[in-house]
């Protein structure tokens, strides 16, 4: 499961699992919402895990509106589909994972690179979130004392 901010193009989360159910959706979305806030709209496909009654009612209680794309119309979710293609082409096609843990670690490293280093043509060749996980710079003590 991938979560993309359509405005910034930041990949907010990638959930790595053999199967994702409605509870996995809620858990992943809750983690992101704690960090980033509740979005006004959530666009997704019509997968059972996203259209489950418990997920829809949870979104409604939070005040987030759902925008489900038409079945068979992946272009209506273009940002996410484009991201999934990049994830597949730049990482998944060249890897063999021997465990979910390995996949989780490698994919999270790629997500951080995607957000903080990898240039994006739609953002004037800048990364979508260059400061979110970038290492802290050393502060010169003498400059800080002045």
N, C-alpha and C. Protein backbone atom coordinates (compact mmCIF):
# COMPACT_ATOMS: atom_id res chain seq x y z
N UNK A 1 0.86 -1.17 0.00
CA UNK A 1 0.00 0.00 0.00
C UNK A 1 0.90 1.23 0.00
N UNK A 2 0.65 2.14 -0.91
CA UNK A 2 1.43 3.37 -0.98
C UNK A 2 0.52 4.57 -0.76
N UNK A 3 1.02 5.56 -0.02
CA UNK A 3 0.29 6.81 0.22
C UNK A 3 1.11 7.96 -0.33
N UNK A 4 0.52 8.72 -1.24
CA UNK A 4 1.20 9.83 -1.89
C UNK A 4 0.42 11.11 -1.63
N UNK A 5 1.12 12.18 -1.26
CA UNK A 5 0.51 13.50 -1.16
C UNK A 5 0.48 14.07 -2.58
N UNK A 6 -0.70 14.29 -3.12
CA UNK A 6 -0.82 14.74 -4.51
C UNK A 6 -0.24 16.13 -4.72
N UNK A 7 -0.23 16.97 -3.70
CA UNK A 7 0.27 18.33 -3.87
C UNK A 7 1.80 18.36 -3.84
N UNK A 8 2.40 17.74 -2.83
CA UNK A 8 3.86 17.79 -2.69
C UNK A 8 4.57 16.66 -3.42
N UNK A 9 3.85 15.60 -3.77
CA UNK A 9 4.37 14.36 -4.37
C UNK A 9 5.18 13.53 -3.37
N UNK A 10 5.12 13.90 -2.10
CA UNK A 10 5.84 13.13 -1.08
C UNK A 10 5.16 11.78 -0.88
N UNK A 11 5.97 10.75 -0.78
CA UNK A 11 5.46 9.42 -0.42
C UNK A 11 5.36 9.40 1.10
N UNK A 12 4.15 9.39 1.61
CA UNK A 12 3.93 9.46 3.05
C UNK A 12 4.14 8.12 3.73
N UNK A 13 3.87 7.04 3.02
CA UNK A 13 4.04 5.70 3.61
C UNK A 13 4.00 4.64 2.53
N UNK A 14 4.71 3.57 2.80
CA UNK A 14 4.59 2.34 2.01
C UNK A 14 4.42 1.22 3.01
N UNK A 15 3.28 0.56 2.96
CA UNK A 15 3.04 -0.57 3.86
C UNK A 15 3.42 -1.85 3.12
N UNK A 16 4.34 -2.58 3.70
CA UNK A 16 4.82 -3.83 3.11
C UNK A 16 4.17 -4.98 3.87
N UNK A 17 3.42 -5.80 3.17
CA UNK A 17 2.74 -6.94 3.79
C UNK A 17 2.37 -7.94 2.72
N UNK A 18 2.15 -9.17 3.14
CA UNK A 18 1.68 -10.19 2.18
C UNK A 18 0.26 -9.88 1.74
N UNK A 19 -0.56 -9.40 2.67
CA UNK A 19 -1.94 -9.00 2.40
C UNK A 19 -2.22 -7.74 3.20
N UNK A 20 -3.04 -6.88 2.66
CA UNK A 20 -3.44 -5.68 3.39
C UNK A 20 -4.95 -5.70 3.52
N UNK A 21 -5.41 -5.62 4.76
CA UNK A 21 -6.85 -5.59 5.00
C UNK A 21 -7.24 -4.22 5.54
N UNK A 22 -8.49 -4.06 5.89
CA UNK A 22 -8.99 -2.77 6.34
C UNK A 22 -8.28 -2.28 7.60
N UNK A 23 -7.92 -3.20 8.49
CA UNK A 23 -7.21 -2.78 9.71
C UNK A 23 -5.80 -2.28 9.38
N UNK A 24 -5.17 -2.88 8.39
CA UNK A 24 -3.87 -2.40 7.94
C UNK A 24 -3.96 -1.01 7.33
N UNK A 25 -5.04 -0.77 6.59
CA UNK A 25 -5.28 0.56 6.01
C UNK A 25 -5.43 1.59 7.12
N UNK A 26 -6.26 1.28 8.10
CA UNK A 26 -6.50 2.22 9.20
C UNK A 26 -5.21 2.47 9.98
N UNK A 27 -4.46 1.42 10.26
CA UNK A 27 -3.21 1.58 11.00
C UNK A 27 -2.22 2.48 10.25
N UNK A 28 -2.06 2.23 8.96
CA UNK A 28 -1.13 3.03 8.16
C UNK A 28 -1.61 4.47 8.05
N UNK A 29 -2.89 4.65 7.76
CA UNK A 29 -3.44 6.01 7.64
C UNK A 29 -3.35 6.76 8.97
N UNK A 30 -3.61 6.07 10.08
CA UNK A 30 -3.54 6.72 11.39
C UNK A 30 -2.12 7.20 11.68
N UNK A 31 -1.13 6.37 11.37
CA UNK A 31 0.26 6.78 11.58
C UNK A 31 0.59 8.04 10.79
N UNK A 32 0.17 8.07 9.54
CA UNK A 32 0.44 9.24 8.69
C UNK A 32 -0.33 10.46 9.19
N UNK A 33 -1.58 10.26 9.57
CA UNK A 33 -2.39 11.39 10.04
C UNK A 33 -1.88 11.96 11.35
N UNK A 34 -1.30 11.13 12.20
CA UNK A 34 -0.70 11.65 13.44
C UNK A 34 0.46 12.58 13.12
N UNK A 35 1.20 12.27 12.09
CA UNK A 35 2.36 13.09 11.71
C UNK A 35 1.99 14.28 10.83
N UNK A 36 1.04 14.10 9.92
CA UNK A 36 0.76 15.11 8.90
C UNK A 36 -0.60 15.79 9.03
N UNK A 37 -1.49 15.24 9.85
CA UNK A 37 -2.83 15.77 9.97
C UNK A 37 -3.80 15.02 9.06
N UNK A 38 -5.08 15.28 9.26
CA UNK A 38 -6.13 14.61 8.49
C UNK A 38 -6.30 15.34 7.16
N UNK A 39 -6.20 14.62 6.05
CA UNK A 39 -6.37 15.29 4.75
C UNK A 39 -7.85 15.60 4.49
N UNK A 40 -8.07 16.56 3.62
CA UNK A 40 -9.44 16.91 3.23
C UNK A 40 -10.06 15.78 2.41
N UNK A 41 -9.28 15.21 1.49
CA UNK A 41 -9.75 14.14 0.61
C UNK A 41 -8.74 13.00 0.58
N UNK A 42 -9.27 11.80 0.39
CA UNK A 42 -8.44 10.61 0.21
C UNK A 42 -8.88 9.94 -1.08
N UNK A 43 -7.98 9.91 -2.06
CA UNK A 43 -8.29 9.28 -3.34
C UNK A 43 -7.73 7.86 -3.32
N UNK A 44 -8.53 6.91 -3.78
CA UNK A 44 -8.03 5.53 -3.83
C UNK A 44 -8.78 4.74 -4.89
N UNK A 45 -8.26 3.54 -5.13
CA UNK A 45 -8.98 2.63 -6.01
C UNK A 45 -10.12 2.00 -5.22
N UNK A 46 -10.77 1.02 -5.80
CA UNK A 46 -11.94 0.41 -5.18
C UNK A 46 -11.64 -0.94 -4.56
N UNK A 47 -10.40 -1.12 -4.12
CA UNK A 47 -10.03 -2.37 -3.46
C UNK A 47 -10.86 -2.59 -2.20
N UNK A 48 -11.10 -3.84 -1.89
CA UNK A 48 -11.94 -4.18 -0.73
C UNK A 48 -11.40 -3.58 0.56
N UNK A 49 -10.08 -3.48 0.69
CA UNK A 49 -9.50 -2.94 1.92
C UNK A 49 -9.77 -1.45 2.06
N UNK A 50 -9.94 -0.73 0.94
CA UNK A 50 -10.20 0.71 1.00
C UNK A 50 -11.69 1.04 1.06
N UNK A 51 -12.52 0.17 0.54
CA UNK A 51 -13.96 0.44 0.51
C UNK A 51 -14.70 -0.25 1.65
N UNK A 52 -13.98 -0.93 2.52
CA UNK A 52 -14.63 -1.61 3.65
C UNK A 52 -15.41 -0.60 4.49
N UNK A 53 -16.52 -1.04 5.01
CA UNK A 53 -17.40 -0.17 5.79
C UNK A 53 -16.65 0.46 6.97
N UNK A 54 -15.82 -0.32 7.63
CA UNK A 54 -15.09 0.20 8.79
C UNK A 54 -14.13 1.32 8.38
N UNK A 55 -13.51 1.21 7.22
CA UNK A 55 -12.59 2.24 6.73
C UNK A 55 -13.37 3.49 6.34
N UNK A 56 -14.45 3.31 5.60
CA UNK A 56 -15.26 4.46 5.17
C UNK A 56 -15.83 5.21 6.37
N UNK A 57 -16.32 4.48 7.37
CA UNK A 57 -16.89 5.15 8.54
C UNK A 57 -15.80 5.84 9.36
N UNK A 58 -14.61 5.25 9.42
CA UNK A 58 -13.50 5.89 10.14
C UNK A 58 -13.10 7.19 9.46
N UNK A 59 -12.98 7.16 8.12
CA UNK A 59 -12.67 8.39 7.38
C UNK A 59 -13.74 9.45 7.63
N UNK A 60 -15.01 9.04 7.59
CA UNK A 60 -16.12 9.98 7.80
C UNK A 60 -16.05 10.60 9.19
N UNK A 61 -15.76 9.81 10.21
CA UNK A 61 -15.65 10.33 11.58
C UNK A 61 -14.53 11.36 11.70
N UNK A 62 -13.48 11.17 10.92
CA UNK A 62 -12.36 12.11 10.94
C UNK A 62 -12.62 13.35 10.09
N UNK A 63 -13.65 13.30 9.25
CA UNK A 63 -13.97 14.42 8.38
C UNK A 63 -13.24 14.40 7.05
N UNK A 64 -12.62 13.28 6.71
CA UNK A 64 -11.92 13.15 5.42
C UNK A 64 -12.89 12.58 4.39
N UNK A 65 -13.02 13.26 3.28
CA UNK A 65 -13.90 12.78 2.21
C UNK A 65 -13.15 11.77 1.35
N UNK A 66 -13.87 10.77 0.86
CA UNK A 66 -13.24 9.76 0.01
C UNK A 66 -13.57 10.02 -1.45
N UNK A 67 -12.58 9.84 -2.29
CA UNK A 67 -12.73 9.96 -3.74
C UNK A 67 -12.28 8.64 -4.34
N UNK A 68 -13.23 7.77 -4.63
CA UNK A 68 -12.90 6.48 -5.22
C UNK A 68 -12.89 6.62 -6.74
N UNK A 69 -11.84 6.12 -7.37
CA UNK A 69 -11.76 6.22 -8.82
C UNK A 69 -12.73 5.22 -9.44
N UNK A 70 -13.08 5.46 -10.68
CA UNK A 70 -13.95 4.53 -11.40
C UNK A 70 -13.22 3.21 -11.61
N UNK A 71 -13.92 2.10 -11.45
CA UNK A 71 -13.27 0.80 -11.71
C UNK A 71 -12.68 0.76 -13.12
N UNK A 72 -11.47 0.23 -13.23
CA UNK A 72 -10.82 0.13 -14.53
C UNK A 72 -10.29 1.44 -15.07
N UNK A 73 -10.15 2.46 -14.20
CA UNK A 73 -9.68 3.79 -14.63
C UNK A 73 -8.47 4.24 -13.81
N UNK A 74 -7.34 3.55 -13.93
CA UNK A 74 -6.19 3.90 -13.10
C UNK A 74 -5.68 5.32 -13.35
N UNK A 75 -5.95 5.90 -14.51
CA UNK A 75 -5.49 7.25 -14.81
C UNK A 75 -6.14 8.28 -13.88
N UNK A 76 -7.25 7.92 -13.23
CA UNK A 76 -7.88 8.84 -12.28
C UNK A 76 -7.09 8.93 -10.98
N UNK A 77 -6.15 8.03 -10.79
CA UNK A 77 -5.28 8.03 -9.63
C UNK A 77 -3.82 8.11 -10.12
N UNK A 78 -3.59 9.02 -11.03
CA UNK A 78 -2.34 9.09 -11.77
C UNK A 78 -1.09 9.26 -10.92
N UNK A 79 -1.15 10.10 -9.88
CA UNK A 79 0.05 10.31 -9.06
C UNK A 79 0.49 9.01 -8.40
N UNK A 80 -0.48 8.29 -7.86
CA UNK A 80 -0.15 7.03 -7.18
C UNK A 80 0.29 5.97 -8.18
N UNK A 81 -0.38 5.89 -9.31
CA UNK A 81 0.00 4.91 -10.33
C UNK A 81 1.40 5.20 -10.86
N UNK A 82 1.72 6.48 -11.07
CA UNK A 82 3.05 6.86 -11.53
C UNK A 82 4.10 6.49 -10.48
N UNK A 83 3.79 6.78 -9.22
CA UNK A 83 4.71 6.42 -8.14
C UNK A 83 4.93 4.91 -8.10
N UNK A 84 3.86 4.14 -8.19
CA UNK A 84 3.99 2.68 -8.15
C UNK A 84 4.86 2.17 -9.29
N UNK A 85 4.76 2.79 -10.46
CA UNK A 85 5.62 2.43 -11.58
C UNK A 85 7.08 2.72 -11.30
N UNK A 86 7.36 3.88 -10.69
CA UNK A 86 8.74 4.22 -10.33
C UNK A 86 9.28 3.26 -9.28
N UNK A 87 8.47 2.94 -8.28
CA UNK A 87 8.87 1.98 -7.26
C UNK A 87 9.22 0.63 -7.89
N UNK A 88 8.39 0.19 -8.79
CA UNK A 88 8.62 -1.09 -9.47
C UNK A 88 9.89 -1.03 -10.33
N UNK A 89 10.00 0.02 -11.18
CA UNK A 89 11.12 0.11 -12.12
C UNK A 89 12.46 0.39 -11.43
N UNK A 90 12.45 1.27 -10.43
CA UNK A 90 13.70 1.69 -9.80
C UNK A 90 14.15 0.77 -8.68
N UNK A 91 13.24 -0.04 -8.14
CA UNK A 91 13.63 -0.88 -7.01
C UNK A 91 13.18 -2.33 -7.14
N UNK A 92 11.88 -2.55 -7.21
CA UNK A 92 11.36 -3.91 -7.07
C UNK A 92 11.82 -4.86 -8.16
N UNK A 93 11.90 -4.38 -9.41
CA UNK A 93 12.32 -5.27 -10.50
C UNK A 93 13.74 -5.79 -10.34
N UNK A 94 14.57 -5.09 -9.58
CA UNK A 94 15.96 -5.50 -9.43
C UNK A 94 16.26 -6.18 -8.10
N UNK A 95 15.25 -6.49 -7.33
CA UNK A 95 15.46 -7.06 -6.00
C UNK A 95 14.79 -8.41 -5.86
N UNK A 96 15.37 -9.25 -5.02
CA UNK A 96 14.73 -10.47 -4.54
C UNK A 96 14.76 -10.37 -3.03
N UNK A 97 13.59 -10.33 -2.42
CA UNK A 97 13.51 -10.22 -0.96
C UNK A 97 13.32 -11.61 -0.37
N UNK A 98 14.06 -11.89 0.69
CA UNK A 98 13.97 -13.20 1.33
C UNK A 98 13.10 -13.18 2.58
N UNK A 99 12.66 -12.00 2.98
CA UNK A 99 11.75 -11.89 4.12
C UNK A 99 10.99 -10.57 4.03
N UNK A 100 9.87 -10.49 4.75
CA UNK A 100 9.13 -9.23 4.81
C UNK A 100 9.95 -8.15 5.49
N UNK A 101 10.72 -8.54 6.49
CA UNK A 101 11.56 -7.57 7.20
C UNK A 101 12.58 -6.94 6.25
N UNK A 102 13.23 -7.78 5.45
CA UNK A 102 14.19 -7.27 4.48
C UNK A 102 13.50 -6.32 3.50
N UNK A 103 12.35 -6.73 2.99
CA UNK A 103 11.61 -5.88 2.05
C UNK A 103 11.23 -4.56 2.70
N UNK A 104 10.78 -4.61 3.94
CA UNK A 104 10.38 -3.39 4.65
C UNK A 104 11.55 -2.43 4.79
N UNK A 105 12.70 -2.93 5.18
CA UNK A 105 13.88 -2.08 5.39
C UNK A 105 14.35 -1.48 4.07
N UNK A 106 14.48 -2.29 3.03
CA UNK A 106 14.98 -1.81 1.74
C UNK A 106 14.00 -0.82 1.12
N UNK A 107 12.72 -1.11 1.19
CA UNK A 107 11.71 -0.22 0.60
C UNK A 107 11.64 1.10 1.37
N UNK A 108 11.78 1.06 2.68
CA UNK A 108 11.78 2.30 3.46
C UNK A 108 13.00 3.16 3.12
N UNK A 109 14.15 2.54 2.92
CA UNK A 109 15.34 3.29 2.50
C UNK A 109 15.10 3.96 1.15
N UNK A 110 14.48 3.22 0.23
CA UNK A 110 14.19 3.79 -1.09
C UNK A 110 13.19 4.94 -0.96
N UNK A 111 12.17 4.78 -0.10
CA UNK A 111 11.16 5.84 0.11
C UNK A 111 11.83 7.12 0.62
N UNK A 112 12.74 6.98 1.56
CA UNK A 112 13.45 8.16 2.09
C UNK A 112 14.28 8.82 0.99
N UNK A 113 14.95 8.03 0.18
CA UNK A 113 15.72 8.56 -0.95
C UNK A 113 14.78 9.28 -1.93
N UNK A 114 13.66 8.66 -2.24
CA UNK A 114 12.67 9.24 -3.15
C UNK A 114 12.21 10.61 -2.64
N UNK A 115 11.96 10.71 -1.34
CA UNK A 115 11.44 11.95 -0.77
C UNK A 115 12.49 13.04 -0.58
N UNK A 116 13.73 12.66 -0.28
CA UNK A 116 14.70 13.67 0.15
C UNK A 116 15.84 13.94 -0.83
N UNK A 117 16.08 13.03 -1.78
CA UNK A 117 17.22 13.19 -2.68
C UNK A 117 16.83 13.14 -4.15
N UNK A 118 16.01 12.20 -4.52
CA UNK A 118 15.67 11.96 -5.93
C UNK A 118 14.98 13.18 -6.55
N UNK A 119 15.50 13.70 -7.67
CA UNK A 119 14.86 14.85 -8.31
C UNK A 119 13.55 14.45 -9.01
N UNK A 120 12.60 15.37 -9.00
CA UNK A 120 11.30 15.15 -9.64
C UNK A 120 11.09 16.24 -10.68
N UNK A 121 10.87 15.84 -11.91
CA UNK A 121 10.72 16.82 -12.98
C UNK A 121 9.55 17.76 -12.73
N UNK A 122 8.46 17.25 -12.15
CA UNK A 122 7.28 18.09 -11.91
C UNK A 122 7.52 19.11 -10.80
N UNK A 123 8.61 18.96 -10.05
CA UNK A 123 8.94 19.89 -8.97
C UNK A 123 10.22 20.67 -9.28
N UNK A 124 10.45 20.91 -10.57
CA UNK A 124 11.66 21.63 -11.00
C UNK A 124 12.93 20.89 -10.60
N UNK A 125 12.87 19.58 -10.67
CA UNK A 125 14.00 18.71 -10.37
C UNK A 125 14.49 18.83 -8.92
N UNK A 126 13.53 19.06 -8.03
CA UNK A 126 13.81 19.04 -6.59
C UNK A 126 13.09 17.84 -5.99
N UNK A 127 13.56 17.34 -4.86
CA UNK A 127 12.83 16.27 -4.18
C UNK A 127 11.59 16.83 -3.49
N UNK A 128 10.57 16.01 -3.26
CA UNK A 128 9.33 16.52 -2.68
C UNK A 128 9.44 16.94 -1.22
N UNK A 129 10.31 16.32 -0.46
CA UNK A 129 10.41 16.64 0.96
C UNK A 129 11.88 16.60 1.39
N UNK A 130 12.69 17.54 0.90
CA UNK A 130 14.13 17.45 1.13
C UNK A 130 14.54 17.53 2.59
N UNK A 131 13.69 18.05 3.47
CA UNK A 131 14.09 18.26 4.85
C UNK A 131 13.44 17.28 5.83
N UNK A 132 12.57 16.39 5.37
CA UNK A 132 11.84 15.53 6.31
C UNK A 132 12.71 14.50 6.98
N UNK A 133 13.65 13.91 6.28
CA UNK A 133 14.52 12.92 6.92
C UNK A 133 15.97 13.16 6.60
N UNK A 134 16.28 14.36 6.19
CA UNK A 134 17.68 14.67 5.89
C UNK A 134 18.46 14.73 7.20
N UNK A 135 19.71 14.30 7.18
CA UNK A 135 20.50 14.35 8.41
C UNK A 135 20.70 15.79 8.88
N UNK A 136 20.73 15.97 10.18
CA UNK A 136 20.93 17.30 10.74
C UNK A 136 22.33 17.79 10.40
N UNK A 137 22.42 19.07 10.13
CA UNK A 137 23.74 19.64 9.84
C UNK A 137 24.39 20.05 11.14
N UNK A 138 25.71 20.02 11.17
CA UNK A 138 26.45 20.40 12.37
C UNK A 138 26.34 21.91 12.55
N UNK A 139 26.01 22.34 13.74
CA UNK A 139 25.88 23.75 14.05
C UNK A 139 27.20 24.25 14.63
N UNK A 140 27.76 25.29 14.04
CA UNK A 140 28.99 25.88 14.53
C UNK A 140 28.69 26.59 15.85
N UNK A 141 29.35 26.16 16.94
CA UNK A 141 29.06 26.70 18.27
C UNK A 141 29.34 28.20 18.34
N UNK A 142 30.40 28.66 17.70
CA UNK A 142 30.72 30.09 17.79
C UNK A 142 29.65 30.92 17.10
N UNK A 143 29.10 30.43 16.00
CA UNK A 143 28.04 31.15 15.31
C UNK A 143 26.76 31.15 16.14
N UNK A 144 26.53 30.05 16.86
CA UNK A 144 25.32 29.95 17.67
C UNK A 144 25.40 30.86 18.89
N UNK A 145 26.60 31.16 19.37
CA UNK A 145 26.76 31.97 20.57
C UNK A 145 26.60 33.45 20.29
N UNK A 146 26.74 33.88 19.06
CA UNK A 146 26.71 35.31 18.74
C UNK A 146 25.33 35.86 18.73
